């Protein structure tokens, strides 16, 4: 198995396992709308359900339309991620890690949507000035970290390419 597939598979399995396990623990130990302080005034464990997308978008759409839309989007995203992974260079472990994280997060939230019709969120942060960041979960975190890694790699490769062009080295 190529290193890129091994790294991506490990990231996917770890992400999906942690997501399923943490959501199970939240469902088993917290009642809906609980708010347990971890760091008082800053970080709480909660038990909320998100019928919408990020920041609650589309939460008021009819459930059949909402569920069909989110399952369709997740399915398309999963196919695109797998295609990107197949096209990576065999040793591109960073991009493979990022894609594995994104894939694990997408599948984790998809499982919730299919099973419950909504996503279980449980990480809550109160920020400065009374602002609260919307609740999220391990799957959401993995997706954000994965996308961040891809952006950082893109910026780094762009910088390397520009440095090569400026020094007269051929790019490619």
N, C-alpha and C. Protein backbone atom coordinates (compact mmCIF):
# COMPACT_ATOMS: atom_id res chain seq x y z
N UNK A 1 0.86 -1.18 0.00
CA UNK A 1 0.00 0.00 0.00
C UNK A 1 0.90 1.24 0.00
N UNK A 2 0.61 2.17 -0.89
CA UNK A 2 1.38 3.41 -0.99
C UNK A 2 1.27 4.19 0.31
N UNK A 3 2.34 4.91 0.68
CA UNK A 3 2.31 5.70 1.92
C UNK A 3 1.11 6.66 1.99
N UNK A 4 0.75 7.26 0.87
CA UNK A 4 -0.38 8.20 0.90
C UNK A 4 -1.67 7.51 1.31
N UNK A 5 -1.89 6.29 0.85
CA UNK A 5 -3.12 5.57 1.21
C UNK A 5 -3.08 5.12 2.67
N UNK A 6 -1.92 4.71 3.14
CA UNK A 6 -1.79 4.28 4.53
C UNK A 6 -2.06 5.45 5.48
N UNK A 7 -1.45 6.60 5.20
CA UNK A 7 -1.64 7.79 6.04
C UNK A 7 -3.10 8.23 6.02
N UNK A 8 -3.68 8.27 4.83
CA UNK A 8 -5.06 8.70 4.70
C UNK A 8 -6.02 7.73 5.41
N UNK A 9 -5.77 6.45 5.27
CA UNK A 9 -6.62 5.45 5.93
C UNK A 9 -6.54 5.56 7.44
N UNK A 10 -5.34 5.74 7.98
CA UNK A 10 -5.18 5.90 9.43
C UNK A 10 -5.91 7.15 9.90
N UNK A 11 -5.74 8.27 9.20
CA UNK A 11 -6.42 9.52 9.57
C UNK A 11 -7.93 9.35 9.53
N UNK A 12 -8.42 8.68 8.49
CA UNK A 12 -9.85 8.44 8.34
C UNK A 12 -10.39 7.59 9.50
N UNK A 13 -9.73 6.47 9.78
CA UNK A 13 -10.21 5.55 10.83
C UNK A 13 -10.15 6.21 12.20
N UNK A 14 -9.07 6.91 12.51
CA UNK A 14 -8.94 7.57 13.81
C UNK A 14 -10.01 8.65 13.95
N UNK A 15 -10.18 9.47 12.92
CA UNK A 15 -11.18 10.54 12.97
C UNK A 15 -12.59 9.98 13.15
N UNK A 16 -12.94 9.00 12.33
CA UNK A 16 -14.29 8.44 12.39
C UNK A 16 -14.52 7.75 13.74
N UNK A 17 -13.54 7.02 14.23
CA UNK A 17 -13.67 6.33 15.52
C UNK A 17 -13.86 7.34 16.65
N UNK A 18 -13.02 8.38 16.68
CA UNK A 18 -13.15 9.40 17.74
C UNK A 18 -14.49 10.13 17.64
N UNK A 19 -14.93 10.40 16.43
CA UNK A 19 -16.20 11.10 16.25
C UNK A 19 -17.36 10.24 16.76
N UNK A 20 -17.40 8.99 16.35
CA UNK A 20 -18.48 8.10 16.78
C UNK A 20 -18.43 7.88 18.30
N UNK A 21 -17.24 7.66 18.83
CA UNK A 21 -17.09 7.42 20.27
C UNK A 21 -17.52 8.64 21.09
N UNK A 22 -17.06 9.81 20.71
CA UNK A 22 -17.41 11.01 21.49
C UNK A 22 -18.91 11.32 21.41
N UNK A 23 -19.50 11.12 20.25
CA UNK A 23 -20.95 11.36 20.14
C UNK A 23 -21.73 10.33 20.95
N UNK A 24 -21.25 9.10 20.97
CA UNK A 24 -21.89 8.07 21.80
C UNK A 24 -21.82 8.48 23.28
N UNK A 25 -20.64 8.92 23.72
CA UNK A 25 -20.47 9.32 25.12
C UNK A 25 -21.36 10.51 25.48
N UNK A 26 -21.48 11.46 24.57
CA UNK A 26 -22.35 12.61 24.80
C UNK A 26 -23.80 12.14 24.92
N UNK A 27 -24.24 11.32 23.98
CA UNK A 27 -25.63 10.81 24.02
C UNK A 27 -25.90 10.01 25.29
N UNK A 28 -24.90 9.24 25.75
CA UNK A 28 -25.09 8.37 26.91
C UNK A 28 -25.01 9.12 28.24
N UNK A 29 -24.29 10.24 28.27
CA UNK A 29 -24.00 10.88 29.56
C UNK A 29 -24.55 12.28 29.75
N UNK A 30 -24.99 12.92 28.69
CA UNK A 30 -25.53 14.27 28.82
C UNK A 30 -26.94 14.30 28.28
N UNK A 31 -27.81 14.97 29.00
CA UNK A 31 -29.16 15.14 28.46
C UNK A 31 -29.12 16.30 27.48
N UNK A 32 -30.13 16.33 26.62
CA UNK A 32 -30.19 17.38 25.61
C UNK A 32 -30.14 18.76 26.29
N UNK A 33 -29.31 19.62 25.76
CA UNK A 33 -29.13 21.01 26.22
C UNK A 33 -28.32 21.12 27.51
N UNK A 34 -27.71 20.04 27.99
CA UNK A 34 -26.79 20.15 29.13
C UNK A 34 -25.62 21.06 28.75
N UNK A 35 -25.03 21.65 29.78
CA UNK A 35 -23.87 22.53 29.60
C UNK A 35 -22.96 22.30 30.80
N UNK A 36 -21.91 21.50 30.59
CA UNK A 36 -21.00 21.12 31.67
C UNK A 36 -19.71 21.92 31.52
N UNK A 37 -19.36 22.74 32.53
CA UNK A 37 -18.12 23.53 32.41
C UNK A 37 -16.88 22.65 32.49
N UNK A 38 -15.97 22.87 31.55
CA UNK A 38 -14.65 22.25 31.58
C UNK A 38 -13.66 23.30 32.05
N UNK A 39 -13.74 24.48 31.45
CA UNK A 39 -13.01 25.66 31.89
C UNK A 39 -14.06 26.76 32.02
N UNK A 40 -14.49 27.00 33.24
CA UNK A 40 -15.60 27.93 33.51
C UNK A 40 -15.39 29.26 32.79
N UNK A 41 -16.44 29.68 32.10
CA UNK A 41 -16.41 30.95 31.38
C UNK A 41 -15.77 30.87 30.01
N UNK A 42 -15.27 29.68 29.62
CA UNK A 42 -14.59 29.58 28.33
C UNK A 42 -14.99 28.33 27.54
N UNK A 43 -14.87 27.14 28.13
CA UNK A 43 -15.08 25.89 27.39
C UNK A 43 -16.06 24.99 28.14
N UNK A 44 -17.06 24.51 27.40
CA UNK A 44 -18.12 23.68 27.98
C UNK A 44 -18.37 22.46 27.09
N UNK A 45 -18.78 21.37 27.73
CA UNK A 45 -19.34 20.23 27.00
C UNK A 45 -20.84 20.42 27.00
N UNK A 46 -21.43 20.28 25.84
CA UNK A 46 -22.87 20.49 25.70
C UNK A 46 -23.46 19.27 25.01
N UNK A 47 -24.74 19.29 24.85
CA UNK A 47 -25.41 18.27 24.04
C UNK A 47 -26.49 19.00 23.25
N UNK A 48 -26.14 19.31 22.01
CA UNK A 48 -27.10 19.99 21.14
C UNK A 48 -27.19 19.21 19.84
N UNK A 49 -28.23 19.48 19.11
CA UNK A 49 -28.45 18.83 17.81
C UNK A 49 -28.53 19.92 16.75
N UNK A 50 -27.85 19.71 15.66
CA UNK A 50 -27.84 20.68 14.57
C UNK A 50 -28.51 20.03 13.36
N UNK A 51 -29.68 20.53 13.02
CA UNK A 51 -30.37 20.02 11.85
C UNK A 51 -29.87 20.68 10.58
N UNK A 52 -29.13 21.78 10.73
CA UNK A 52 -28.63 22.52 9.58
C UNK A 52 -27.18 22.22 9.29
N UNK A 53 -26.57 23.11 8.54
CA UNK A 53 -25.14 23.00 8.21
C UNK A 53 -24.36 23.86 9.20
N UNK A 54 -23.16 24.23 8.83
CA UNK A 54 -22.33 25.07 9.68
C UNK A 54 -23.11 26.31 10.10
N UNK A 55 -23.00 26.65 11.37
CA UNK A 55 -23.66 27.82 11.95
C UNK A 55 -25.19 27.73 11.84
N UNK A 56 -25.72 26.52 11.68
CA UNK A 56 -27.17 26.32 11.64
C UNK A 56 -27.82 26.68 10.32
N UNK A 57 -27.03 26.86 9.26
CA UNK A 57 -27.62 27.19 7.97
C UNK A 57 -28.56 26.08 7.51
N UNK A 58 -29.67 26.46 6.91
CA UNK A 58 -30.68 25.55 6.36
C UNK A 58 -31.45 24.76 7.42
N UNK A 59 -31.34 25.11 8.68
CA UNK A 59 -32.00 24.33 9.73
C UNK A 59 -33.53 24.41 9.66
N UNK A 60 -34.04 25.45 9.01
CA UNK A 60 -35.49 25.61 8.92
C UNK A 60 -36.09 25.02 7.65
N UNK A 61 -35.28 24.45 6.80
CA UNK A 61 -35.80 23.82 5.57
C UNK A 61 -36.57 22.55 5.95
N UNK A 62 -37.53 22.15 5.13
CA UNK A 62 -38.26 20.89 5.41
C UNK A 62 -37.27 19.73 5.54
N UNK A 63 -37.53 18.82 6.47
CA UNK A 63 -36.56 17.76 6.80
C UNK A 63 -36.21 16.87 5.61
N UNK A 64 -37.17 16.54 4.76
CA UNK A 64 -36.88 15.67 3.62
C UNK A 64 -35.93 16.37 2.65
N UNK A 65 -36.18 17.63 2.38
CA UNK A 65 -35.32 18.40 1.47
C UNK A 65 -33.93 18.57 2.10
N UNK A 66 -33.91 18.93 3.38
CA UNK A 66 -32.65 19.15 4.09
C UNK A 66 -31.80 17.87 4.09
N UNK A 67 -32.41 16.75 4.44
CA UNK A 67 -31.69 15.48 4.52
C UNK A 67 -31.18 15.05 3.14
N UNK A 68 -32.01 15.17 2.13
CA UNK A 68 -31.61 14.82 0.77
C UNK A 68 -30.45 15.69 0.32
N UNK A 69 -30.54 16.98 0.59
CA UNK A 69 -29.49 17.92 0.21
C UNK A 69 -28.17 17.57 0.89
N UNK A 70 -28.19 17.37 2.21
CA UNK A 70 -26.95 17.10 2.95
C UNK A 70 -26.34 15.74 2.60
N UNK A 71 -27.17 14.75 2.39
CA UNK A 71 -26.64 13.44 1.99
C UNK A 71 -26.03 13.54 0.59
N UNK A 72 -26.69 14.26 -0.29
CA UNK A 72 -26.16 14.45 -1.65
C UNK A 72 -24.83 15.20 -1.64
N UNK A 73 -24.77 16.28 -0.89
CA UNK A 73 -23.53 17.07 -0.80
C UNK A 73 -22.41 16.22 -0.21
N UNK A 74 -22.71 15.48 0.85
CA UNK A 74 -21.69 14.62 1.47
C UNK A 74 -21.21 13.56 0.49
N UNK A 75 -22.14 12.96 -0.25
CA UNK A 75 -21.76 11.95 -1.23
C UNK A 75 -20.84 12.50 -2.30
N UNK A 76 -21.17 13.67 -2.82
CA UNK A 76 -20.32 14.32 -3.83
C UNK A 76 -18.95 14.65 -3.23
N UNK A 77 -18.94 15.18 -2.02
CA UNK A 77 -17.67 15.52 -1.36
C UNK A 77 -16.80 14.28 -1.17
N UNK A 78 -17.40 13.19 -0.77
CA UNK A 78 -16.64 11.95 -0.55
C UNK A 78 -16.02 11.46 -1.85
N UNK A 79 -16.78 11.51 -2.94
CA UNK A 79 -16.25 11.09 -4.24
C UNK A 79 -15.08 12.00 -4.65
N UNK A 80 -15.23 13.31 -4.48
CA UNK A 80 -14.18 14.26 -4.85
C UNK A 80 -12.93 14.03 -4.01
N UNK A 81 -13.10 13.82 -2.71
CA UNK A 81 -11.94 13.58 -1.83
C UNK A 81 -11.19 12.32 -2.27
N UNK A 82 -11.91 11.26 -2.58
CA UNK A 82 -11.27 10.02 -3.02
C UNK A 82 -10.53 10.22 -4.34
N UNK A 83 -11.12 11.00 -5.24
CA UNK A 83 -10.45 11.29 -6.51
C UNK A 83 -9.17 12.09 -6.28
N UNK A 84 -9.21 13.09 -5.41
CA UNK A 84 -8.01 13.86 -5.08
C UNK A 84 -6.94 12.95 -4.49
N UNK A 85 -7.35 12.07 -3.60
CA UNK A 85 -6.41 11.16 -2.95
C UNK A 85 -5.73 10.26 -3.99
N UNK A 86 -6.50 9.74 -4.92
CA UNK A 86 -5.93 8.86 -5.95
C UNK A 86 -4.91 9.58 -6.81
N UNK A 87 -5.08 10.89 -6.99
CA UNK A 87 -4.18 11.66 -7.87
C UNK A 87 -2.96 12.21 -7.15
N UNK A 88 -2.88 12.06 -5.85
CA UNK A 88 -1.71 12.54 -5.12
C UNK A 88 -0.47 11.75 -5.50
N UNK A 89 0.67 12.40 -5.39
CA UNK A 89 1.94 11.69 -5.56
C UNK A 89 2.03 10.62 -4.48
N UNK A 90 2.65 9.48 -4.75
CA UNK A 90 2.69 8.37 -3.78
C UNK A 90 3.23 8.76 -2.40
N UNK A 91 4.17 9.70 -2.34
CA UNK A 91 4.76 10.06 -1.06
C UNK A 91 4.17 11.31 -0.43
N UNK A 92 3.08 11.85 -0.97
CA UNK A 92 2.49 13.10 -0.45
C UNK A 92 1.67 12.80 0.80
N UNK A 93 2.36 12.67 1.90
CA UNK A 93 1.70 12.27 3.15
C UNK A 93 0.87 13.40 3.77
N UNK A 94 1.32 14.65 3.64
CA UNK A 94 0.59 15.75 4.27
C UNK A 94 -0.79 15.92 3.63
N UNK A 95 -0.84 15.93 2.32
CA UNK A 95 -2.15 16.04 1.64
C UNK A 95 -3.00 14.82 1.93
N UNK A 96 -2.38 13.65 2.00
CA UNK A 96 -3.12 12.43 2.31
C UNK A 96 -3.70 12.50 3.72
N UNK A 97 -2.92 13.01 4.67
CA UNK A 97 -3.42 13.20 6.04
C UNK A 97 -4.61 14.14 6.03
N UNK A 98 -4.47 15.26 5.34
CA UNK A 98 -5.55 16.25 5.28
C UNK A 98 -6.81 15.65 4.68
N UNK A 99 -6.67 14.93 3.58
CA UNK A 99 -7.84 14.33 2.93
C UNK A 99 -8.46 13.24 3.80
N UNK A 100 -7.64 12.48 4.53
CA UNK A 100 -8.16 11.48 5.45
C UNK A 100 -8.97 12.11 6.58
N UNK A 101 -8.48 13.24 7.10
CA UNK A 101 -9.22 13.96 8.15
C UNK A 101 -10.56 14.47 7.62
N UNK A 102 -10.52 15.07 6.44
CA UNK A 102 -11.76 15.61 5.85
C UNK A 102 -12.75 14.49 5.57
N UNK A 103 -12.26 13.39 5.02
CA UNK A 103 -13.12 12.25 4.72
C UNK A 103 -13.73 11.66 5.99
N UNK A 104 -12.92 11.48 7.02
CA UNK A 104 -13.43 10.97 8.30
C UNK A 104 -14.49 11.87 8.90
N UNK A 105 -14.27 13.18 8.82
CA UNK A 105 -15.26 14.13 9.33
C UNK A 105 -16.54 14.11 8.52
N UNK A 106 -16.41 14.06 7.21
CA UNK A 106 -17.60 14.03 6.35
C UNK A 106 -18.43 12.78 6.60
N UNK A 107 -17.77 11.63 6.72
CA UNK A 107 -18.48 10.38 6.96
C UNK A 107 -19.10 10.38 8.36
N UNK A 108 -18.38 10.90 9.35
CA UNK A 108 -18.92 10.96 10.71
C UNK A 108 -20.21 11.75 10.79
N UNK A 109 -20.23 12.93 10.17
CA UNK A 109 -21.45 13.73 10.18
C UNK A 109 -22.54 13.12 9.30
N UNK A 110 -22.13 12.46 8.22
CA UNK A 110 -23.11 11.79 7.36
C UNK A 110 -23.82 10.67 8.11
N UNK A 111 -23.08 9.92 8.90
CA UNK A 111 -23.69 8.86 9.70
C UNK A 111 -24.75 9.44 10.63
N UNK A 112 -24.45 10.56 11.28
CA UNK A 112 -25.45 11.22 12.14
C UNK A 112 -26.68 11.62 11.34
N UNK A 113 -26.46 12.21 10.19
CA UNK A 113 -27.60 12.68 9.39
C UNK A 113 -28.50 11.53 8.96
N UNK A 114 -27.88 10.42 8.56
CA UNK A 114 -28.67 9.26 8.13
C UNK A 114 -29.37 8.63 9.33
N UNK A 115 -28.66 8.48 10.43
CA UNK A 115 -29.19 7.79 11.61
C UNK A 115 -30.19 8.65 12.39
N UNK A 116 -29.88 9.94 12.55
CA UNK A 116 -30.69 10.80 13.42
C UNK A 116 -31.44 11.92 12.68
N UNK A 117 -31.03 12.20 11.45
CA UNK A 117 -31.61 13.34 10.74
C UNK A 117 -31.01 14.66 11.16
N UNK A 118 -29.99 14.61 12.00
CA UNK A 118 -29.31 15.80 12.52
C UNK A 118 -27.93 15.39 13.03
N UNK A 119 -27.10 16.37 13.35
CA UNK A 119 -25.74 16.10 13.80
C UNK A 119 -25.63 16.45 15.29
N UNK A 120 -24.98 15.57 16.05
CA UNK A 120 -24.73 15.81 17.47
C UNK A 120 -23.50 16.70 17.60
N UNK A 121 -23.66 17.85 18.25
CA UNK A 121 -22.55 18.76 18.54
C UNK A 121 -22.40 18.86 20.05
N UNK A 122 -21.17 19.07 20.52
CA UNK A 122 -20.97 19.06 21.98
C UNK A 122 -19.80 19.89 22.48
N UNK A 123 -19.05 20.52 21.62
CA UNK A 123 -17.95 21.37 22.06
C UNK A 123 -18.38 22.82 21.93
N UNK A 124 -18.31 23.55 23.03
CA UNK A 124 -18.81 24.93 23.06
C UNK A 124 -17.76 25.85 23.68
N UNK A 125 -17.48 26.96 23.00
CA UNK A 125 -16.53 27.94 23.51
C UNK A 125 -17.21 29.30 23.63
N UNK A 126 -17.07 29.93 24.81
CA UNK A 126 -17.47 31.32 25.00
C UNK A 126 -16.23 32.16 24.78
N UNK A 127 -16.33 33.13 23.89
CA UNK A 127 -15.19 33.96 23.57
C UNK A 127 -15.36 35.35 24.18
N UNK A 128 -14.54 36.27 23.78
CA UNK A 128 -14.55 37.61 24.33
C UNK A 128 -15.88 38.32 24.06
N UNK A 129 -16.20 39.25 24.93
CA UNK A 129 -17.37 40.10 24.73
C UNK A 129 -18.70 39.37 24.72
N UNK A 130 -18.78 38.21 25.35
CA UNK A 130 -20.03 37.47 25.41
C UNK A 130 -20.34 36.68 24.14
N UNK A 131 -19.42 36.67 23.18
CA UNK A 131 -19.66 35.92 21.94
C UNK A 131 -19.41 34.44 22.18
N UNK A 132 -20.32 33.60 21.71
CA UNK A 132 -20.17 32.15 21.80
C UNK A 132 -19.97 31.59 20.40
N UNK A 133 -18.94 30.77 20.25
CA UNK A 133 -18.73 30.08 18.98
C UNK A 133 -19.79 28.99 18.87
N UNK A 134 -20.37 28.78 17.70
CA UNK A 134 -21.39 27.73 17.57
C UNK A 134 -20.82 26.36 17.96
N UNK A 135 -21.64 25.55 18.61
CA UNK A 135 -21.21 24.22 19.05
C UNK A 135 -20.78 23.39 17.84
N UNK A 136 -19.80 22.52 18.06
CA UNK A 136 -19.28 21.67 17.00
C UNK A 136 -18.85 20.34 17.58
N UNK A 137 -18.27 19.47 16.74
CA UNK A 137 -17.89 18.13 17.18
C UNK A 137 -16.54 17.73 16.60
N UNK A 138 -16.13 16.51 16.83
CA UNK A 138 -14.83 16.02 16.34
C UNK A 138 -14.80 16.02 14.81
N UNK A 139 -15.88 15.61 14.18
CA UNK A 139 -15.93 15.58 12.71
C UNK A 139 -15.71 16.98 12.14
N UNK A 140 -16.39 17.96 12.70
CA UNK A 140 -16.22 19.35 12.25
C UNK A 140 -14.78 19.80 12.42
N UNK A 141 -14.19 19.46 13.56
CA UNK A 141 -12.81 19.84 13.85
C UNK A 141 -11.85 19.21 12.84
N UNK A 142 -12.06 17.94 12.53
CA UNK A 142 -11.19 17.24 11.57
C UNK A 142 -11.30 17.87 10.18
N UNK A 143 -12.50 18.24 9.79
CA UNK A 143 -12.68 18.88 8.49
C UNK A 143 -11.93 20.21 8.44
N UNK A 144 -12.06 21.01 9.48
CA UNK A 144 -11.38 22.32 9.52
C UNK A 144 -9.86 22.14 9.52
N UNK A 145 -9.35 21.21 10.32
CA UNK A 145 -7.90 20.97 10.37
C UNK A 145 -7.42 20.46 9.00
N UNK A 146 -8.16 19.54 8.39
CA UNK A 146 -7.79 19.02 7.08
C UNK A 146 -7.74 20.10 6.01
N UNK A 147 -8.76 20.94 5.97
CA UNK A 147 -8.78 22.04 5.00
C UNK A 147 -7.63 23.01 5.30
N UNK A 148 -7.38 23.29 6.57
CA UNK A 148 -6.27 24.16 6.94
C UNK A 148 -4.93 23.61 6.48
N UNK A 149 -4.72 22.31 6.63
CA UNK A 149 -3.48 21.69 6.17
C UNK A 149 -3.34 21.81 4.65
N UNK A 150 -4.43 21.60 3.93
CA UNK A 150 -4.37 21.74 2.48
C UNK A 150 -4.04 23.17 2.07
N UNK A 151 -4.63 24.14 2.74
CA UNK A 151 -4.35 25.55 2.43
C UNK A 151 -2.89 25.87 2.74
N UNK A 152 -2.40 25.43 3.89
CA UNK A 152 -1.00 25.68 4.24
C UNK A 152 -0.06 25.04 3.22
N UNK A 153 -0.35 23.83 2.80
CA UNK A 153 0.49 23.17 1.81
C UNK A 153 0.44 23.91 0.48
N UNK A 154 -0.74 24.37 0.09
CA UNK A 154 -0.87 25.13 -1.15
C UNK A 154 -0.05 26.42 -1.08
N UNK A 155 -0.16 27.13 0.04
CA UNK A 155 0.61 28.37 0.20
C UNK A 155 2.11 28.10 0.21
N UNK A 156 2.53 27.02 0.87
CA UNK A 156 3.96 26.68 0.92
C UNK A 156 4.47 26.31 -0.47
N UNK A 157 3.71 25.53 -1.22
CA UNK A 157 4.17 25.13 -2.55
C UNK A 157 4.17 26.33 -3.49
N UNK A 158 3.21 27.21 -3.33
CA UNK A 158 3.18 28.44 -4.13
C UNK A 158 4.41 29.29 -3.82
N UNK A 159 4.76 29.38 -2.55
CA UNK A 159 5.95 30.14 -2.15
C UNK A 159 7.22 29.51 -2.69
N UNK A 160 7.30 28.19 -2.65
CA UNK A 160 8.47 27.50 -3.21
C UNK A 160 8.57 27.71 -4.70
N UNK A 161 7.43 27.66 -5.38
CA UNK A 161 7.41 27.86 -6.83
C UNK A 161 7.85 29.28 -7.17
N UNK A 162 7.35 30.27 -6.43
CA UNK A 162 7.74 31.66 -6.68
C UNK A 162 9.23 31.86 -6.39
N UNK A 163 9.71 31.25 -5.32
CA UNK A 163 11.14 31.37 -4.99
C UNK A 163 11.99 30.77 -6.09
N UNK A 164 11.56 29.67 -6.67
CA UNK A 164 12.28 29.03 -7.76
C UNK A 164 12.29 29.89 -9.00
N UNK A 165 11.17 30.54 -9.31
CA UNK A 165 11.07 31.39 -10.47
C UNK A 165 11.97 32.62 -10.29
N UNK A 166 11.95 33.21 -9.09
CA UNK A 166 12.75 34.40 -8.82
C UNK A 166 14.24 34.10 -8.87
N UNK A 167 14.64 32.89 -8.51
CA UNK A 167 16.06 32.53 -8.51
C UNK A 167 16.51 32.00 -9.87
N UNK A 168 15.57 31.90 -10.80
CA UNK A 168 15.91 31.43 -12.13
C UNK A 168 15.83 29.94 -12.31
N UNK A 169 15.44 29.21 -11.26
CA UNK A 169 15.29 27.76 -11.36
C UNK A 169 14.01 27.43 -12.11
N UNK A 170 14.03 26.37 -12.88
CA UNK A 170 12.78 25.99 -13.56
C UNK A 170 11.74 25.51 -12.56
N UNK A 171 10.48 25.88 -12.79
CA UNK A 171 9.41 25.41 -11.91
C UNK A 171 8.86 24.11 -12.43
N UNK A 172 8.15 23.40 -11.55
CA UNK A 172 7.50 22.17 -12.01
C UNK A 172 7.81 21.10 -11.14
